[in-house]
């Protein structure tokens, strides 16, 4: 079964993240995404970056960190600390 994340705005634009993992169905992963989103959205207002760009970036980084963590530890072995460490790796290698 393929898992995807769908993000939509109020004008009907949609973005689909085709890569994710069940490892995100763990306690704390949503909190991690919320914090990441909050930080990016705060920057978006100062840099005049569209909100949808920041939301999709956060979802992409979050899923990529979880995929890295699951590959290193298995899907059931992904915890908040592991996800945070892999999120740092993903962001460090990103060009955004």
N, C-alpha and C. Protein backbone atom coordinates (compact mmCIF):
# COMPACT_ATOMS: atom_id res chain seq x y z
N UNK A 1 0.84 -1.17 0.00
CA UNK A 1 0.00 0.00 0.00
C UNK A 1 0.89 1.24 0.00
N UNK A 2 0.57 2.19 -0.85
CA UNK A 2 1.33 3.43 -0.90
C UNK A 2 0.71 4.45 0.03
N UNK A 3 1.58 5.17 0.71
CA UNK A 3 1.13 6.22 1.62
C UNK A 3 1.54 7.55 1.04
N UNK A 4 0.69 8.53 1.16
CA UNK A 4 0.98 9.85 0.63
C UNK A 4 0.43 10.91 1.60
N UNK A 5 1.01 12.07 1.51
CA UNK A 5 0.51 13.22 2.24
C UNK A 5 -0.04 14.20 1.22
N UNK A 6 -1.24 14.68 1.45
CA UNK A 6 -1.86 15.65 0.55
C UNK A 6 -2.02 16.97 1.31
N UNK A 7 -1.57 18.04 0.67
CA UNK A 7 -1.70 19.38 1.24
C UNK A 7 -2.49 20.20 0.24
N UNK A 8 -3.48 20.94 0.75
CA UNK A 8 -4.32 21.77 -0.13
C UNK A 8 -4.48 23.15 0.49
N UNK A 9 -4.65 24.13 -0.37
CA UNK A 9 -4.91 25.47 0.13
C UNK A 9 -6.37 25.84 -0.13
N UNK A 10 -6.77 27.00 0.34
CA UNK A 10 -8.18 27.41 0.24
C UNK A 10 -8.62 27.72 -1.20
N UNK A 11 -7.67 27.92 -2.11
CA UNK A 11 -8.00 28.16 -3.51
C UNK A 11 -8.09 26.86 -4.32
N UNK A 12 -7.85 25.73 -3.69
CA UNK A 12 -7.98 24.45 -4.36
C UNK A 12 -6.68 23.87 -4.91
N UNK A 13 -5.57 24.59 -4.74
CA UNK A 13 -4.28 24.03 -5.18
C UNK A 13 -3.91 22.88 -4.25
N UNK A 14 -3.36 21.84 -4.85
CA UNK A 14 -2.97 20.67 -4.05
C UNK A 14 -1.55 20.27 -4.37
N UNK A 15 -0.90 19.72 -3.37
CA UNK A 15 0.45 19.19 -3.50
C UNK A 15 0.46 17.83 -2.85
N UNK A 16 1.04 16.84 -3.52
CA UNK A 16 1.09 15.48 -2.99
C UNK A 16 2.54 15.10 -2.74
N UNK A 17 2.83 14.70 -1.52
CA UNK A 17 4.14 14.16 -1.18
C UNK A 17 4.04 12.65 -1.36
N UNK A 18 4.67 12.10 -2.39
CA UNK A 18 4.53 10.68 -2.66
C UNK A 18 5.38 9.78 -1.76
N UNK A 19 6.27 10.38 -0.99
CA UNK A 19 7.17 9.57 -0.17
C UNK A 19 6.93 9.83 1.30
N UNK A 20 6.53 8.79 2.00
CA UNK A 20 6.36 8.87 3.44
C UNK A 20 6.51 7.47 4.01
N UNK A 21 6.29 7.31 5.27
CA UNK A 21 6.48 6.02 5.92
C UNK A 21 5.54 5.89 7.12
N UNK A 22 5.13 4.68 7.44
CA UNK A 22 4.31 4.48 8.64
C UNK A 22 5.06 4.81 9.93
N UNK A 23 6.37 5.00 9.83
CA UNK A 23 7.15 5.37 11.01
C UNK A 23 6.67 6.69 11.61
N UNK A 24 5.99 7.51 10.81
CA UNK A 24 5.47 8.78 11.32
C UNK A 24 4.24 8.60 12.20
N UNK A 25 3.67 7.42 12.22
CA UNK A 25 2.50 7.15 13.06
C UNK A 25 2.97 6.79 14.47
N UNK A 26 3.77 7.68 15.03
CA UNK A 26 4.35 7.46 16.35
C UNK A 26 4.14 8.72 17.19
N UNK A 27 4.10 8.52 18.47
CA UNK A 27 3.93 9.63 19.40
C UNK A 27 5.05 10.66 19.20
N UNK A 28 4.68 11.91 19.07
CA UNK A 28 5.65 12.98 18.97
C UNK A 28 5.99 13.43 17.57
N UNK A 29 5.71 12.60 16.56
CA UNK A 29 6.10 13.01 15.21
C UNK A 29 5.26 14.19 14.71
N UNK A 30 4.01 14.24 15.09
CA UNK A 30 3.18 15.38 14.72
C UNK A 30 3.62 16.65 15.43
N UNK A 31 4.07 16.51 16.67
CA UNK A 31 4.61 17.66 17.40
C UNK A 31 5.85 18.20 16.70
N UNK A 32 6.68 17.28 16.20
CA UNK A 32 7.89 17.68 15.48
C UNK A 32 7.51 18.46 14.22
N UNK A 33 6.52 17.97 13.48
CA UNK A 33 6.08 18.65 12.27
C UNK A 33 5.49 20.02 12.60
N UNK A 34 4.71 20.11 13.67
CA UNK A 34 4.11 21.37 14.08
C UNK A 34 5.18 22.41 14.41
N UNK A 35 6.20 22.01 15.15
CA UNK A 35 7.29 22.92 15.48
C UNK A 35 8.06 23.38 14.26
N UNK A 36 8.33 22.43 13.36
CA UNK A 36 9.02 22.75 12.12
C UNK A 36 8.19 23.74 11.30
N UNK A 37 6.90 23.46 11.18
CA UNK A 37 6.01 24.35 10.44
C UNK A 37 5.95 25.75 11.05
N UNK A 38 5.86 25.81 12.36
CA UNK A 38 5.81 27.11 13.03
C UNK A 38 7.04 27.95 12.73
N UNK A 39 8.21 27.32 12.80
CA UNK A 39 9.45 28.04 12.51
C UNK A 39 9.53 28.51 11.07
N UNK A 40 9.14 27.63 10.15
CA UNK A 40 9.19 28.00 8.73
C UNK A 40 8.16 29.08 8.38
N UNK A 41 6.98 28.98 8.97
CA UNK A 41 5.95 29.99 8.68
C UNK A 41 6.35 31.35 9.23
N UNK A 42 7.01 31.38 10.37
CA UNK A 42 7.49 32.65 10.92
C UNK A 42 8.52 33.28 9.97
N UNK A 43 9.38 32.45 9.41
CA UNK A 43 10.36 32.95 8.45
C UNK A 43 9.70 33.40 7.14
N UNK A 44 8.66 32.70 6.76
CA UNK A 44 7.98 33.01 5.49
C UNK A 44 7.44 34.42 5.49
N UNK A 45 6.92 34.87 6.61
CA UNK A 45 6.35 36.22 6.66
C UNK A 45 7.44 37.28 6.50
N UNK A 46 8.62 37.03 7.03
CA UNK A 46 9.71 38.01 6.93
C UNK A 46 10.41 37.95 5.57
N UNK A 47 10.38 36.81 4.94
CA UNK A 47 11.08 36.65 3.65
C UNK A 47 10.13 36.74 2.46
N UNK A 48 8.85 36.94 2.74
CA UNK A 48 7.85 37.03 1.68
C UNK A 48 7.80 35.77 0.81
N UNK A 49 7.83 34.62 1.47
CA UNK A 49 7.76 33.32 0.80
C UNK A 49 6.32 32.81 0.93
N UNK A 50 5.74 32.29 -0.14
CA UNK A 50 4.36 31.77 -0.06
C UNK A 50 4.21 30.68 1.01
N UNK A 51 3.12 30.77 1.74
CA UNK A 51 2.84 29.81 2.81
C UNK A 51 2.86 28.37 2.30
N UNK A 52 2.25 28.13 1.15
CA UNK A 52 2.21 26.77 0.61
C UNK A 52 3.63 26.22 0.40
N UNK A 53 4.55 27.05 -0.01
CA UNK A 53 5.93 26.60 -0.19
C UNK A 53 6.53 26.12 1.14
N UNK A 54 6.27 26.85 2.19
CA UNK A 54 6.82 26.47 3.50
C UNK A 54 6.14 25.22 4.05
N UNK A 55 4.85 25.12 3.85
CA UNK A 55 4.11 23.95 4.34
C UNK A 55 4.59 22.69 3.61
N UNK A 56 4.72 22.79 2.29
CA UNK A 56 5.16 21.61 1.54
C UNK A 56 6.62 21.26 1.86
N UNK A 57 7.43 22.26 2.09
CA UNK A 57 8.83 22.00 2.48
C UNK A 57 8.88 21.28 3.81
N UNK A 58 8.10 21.73 4.77
CA UNK A 58 8.07 21.09 6.09
C UNK A 58 7.62 19.64 5.98
N UNK A 59 6.57 19.39 5.20
CA UNK A 59 6.08 18.02 5.04
C UNK A 59 7.12 17.14 4.37
N UNK A 60 7.81 17.68 3.38
CA UNK A 60 8.84 16.91 2.67
C UNK A 60 10.00 16.57 3.60
N UNK A 61 10.53 17.59 4.30
CA UNK A 61 11.66 17.35 5.22
C UNK A 61 11.26 16.34 6.29
N UNK A 62 10.07 16.48 6.83
CA UNK A 62 9.57 15.60 7.88
C UNK A 62 9.52 14.15 7.39
N UNK A 63 8.97 13.95 6.20
CA UNK A 63 8.87 12.58 5.67
C UNK A 63 10.24 12.01 5.33
N UNK A 64 11.13 12.83 4.81
CA UNK A 64 12.46 12.34 4.46
C UNK A 64 13.25 11.96 5.71
N UNK A 65 13.10 12.73 6.78
CA UNK A 65 13.75 12.40 8.04
C UNK A 65 13.23 11.07 8.57
N UNK A 66 11.93 10.85 8.47
CA UNK A 66 11.34 9.60 8.95
C UNK A 66 11.80 8.42 8.11
N UNK A 67 11.93 8.61 6.82
CA UNK A 67 12.41 7.54 5.95
C UNK A 67 13.85 7.18 6.31
N UNK A 68 14.69 8.18 6.53
CA UNK A 68 16.07 7.91 6.96
C UNK A 68 16.10 7.15 8.28
N UNK A 69 15.30 7.63 9.23
CA UNK A 69 15.27 7.00 10.55
C UNK A 69 14.77 5.56 10.46
N UNK A 70 13.74 5.33 9.67
CA UNK A 70 13.20 3.97 9.51
C UNK A 70 14.20 3.05 8.84
N UNK A 71 14.95 3.59 7.89
CA UNK A 71 15.98 2.77 7.24
C UNK A 71 17.09 2.39 8.21
N UNK A 72 17.40 3.28 9.14
CA UNK A 72 18.45 3.02 10.12
C UNK A 72 17.98 2.13 11.27
N UNK A 73 16.70 2.27 11.66
CA UNK A 73 16.22 1.62 12.88
C UNK A 73 14.99 0.73 12.72
N UNK A 74 14.37 0.67 11.62
CA UNK A 74 13.08 0.05 11.33
C UNK A 74 11.95 1.03 11.66
N UNK A 75 10.81 0.81 11.08
CA UNK A 75 9.68 1.71 11.26
C UNK A 75 9.25 1.83 12.72
N UNK A 76 9.34 0.73 13.46
CA UNK A 76 8.92 0.76 14.87
C UNK A 76 9.97 1.38 15.77
N UNK A 77 11.18 1.58 15.27
CA UNK A 77 12.25 2.12 16.08
C UNK A 77 12.42 3.62 15.98
N UNK A 78 11.53 4.28 15.30
CA UNK A 78 11.66 5.73 15.13
C UNK A 78 11.00 6.43 16.31
N UNK A 79 11.80 7.17 17.05
CA UNK A 79 11.27 7.97 18.15
C UNK A 79 11.55 9.45 17.86
N UNK A 80 11.11 10.31 18.74
CA UNK A 80 11.26 11.73 18.52
C UNK A 80 12.71 12.18 18.41
N UNK A 81 13.58 11.63 19.22
CA UNK A 81 15.00 12.00 19.19
C UNK A 81 15.63 11.59 17.87
N UNK A 82 15.35 10.38 17.44
CA UNK A 82 15.88 9.90 16.16
C UNK A 82 15.35 10.74 15.02
N UNK A 83 14.07 11.04 15.05
CA UNK A 83 13.46 11.86 14.00
C UNK A 83 14.10 13.25 13.97
N UNK A 84 14.34 13.84 15.13
CA UNK A 84 14.97 15.17 15.19
C UNK A 84 16.38 15.12 14.61
N UNK A 85 17.14 14.10 14.96
CA UNK A 85 18.51 13.99 14.45
C UNK A 85 18.51 13.82 12.94
N UNK A 86 17.61 13.01 12.43
CA UNK A 86 17.56 12.82 10.98
C UNK A 86 16.98 14.04 10.27
N UNK A 87 16.14 14.79 10.96
CA UNK A 87 15.64 16.04 10.38
C UNK A 87 16.80 17.02 10.18
N UNK A 88 17.71 17.06 11.12
CA UNK A 88 18.90 17.90 10.98
C UNK A 88 19.71 17.47 9.76
N UNK A 89 19.87 16.17 9.56
CA UNK A 89 20.59 15.67 8.39
C UNK A 89 19.90 16.08 7.10
N UNK A 90 18.59 15.95 7.05
CA UNK A 90 17.82 16.30 5.84
C UNK A 90 17.93 17.79 5.54
N UNK A 91 17.74 18.62 6.55
CA UNK A 91 17.81 20.06 6.34
C UNK A 91 19.21 20.49 5.93
N UNK A 92 20.22 19.88 6.51
CA UNK A 92 21.61 20.21 6.16
C UNK A 92 21.93 19.90 4.71
N UNK A 93 21.27 18.90 4.16
CA UNK A 93 21.52 18.50 2.78
C UNK A 93 20.53 19.12 1.80
N UNK A 94 19.67 20.02 2.27
CA UNK A 94 18.65 20.62 1.44
C UNK A 94 19.16 21.91 0.83
N UNK A 95 18.60 22.25 -0.30
CA UNK A 95 19.01 23.50 -0.97
C UNK A 95 17.97 24.59 -0.80
N UNK A 96 16.94 24.37 0.03
CA UNK A 96 15.87 25.38 0.16
C UNK A 96 16.39 26.62 0.84
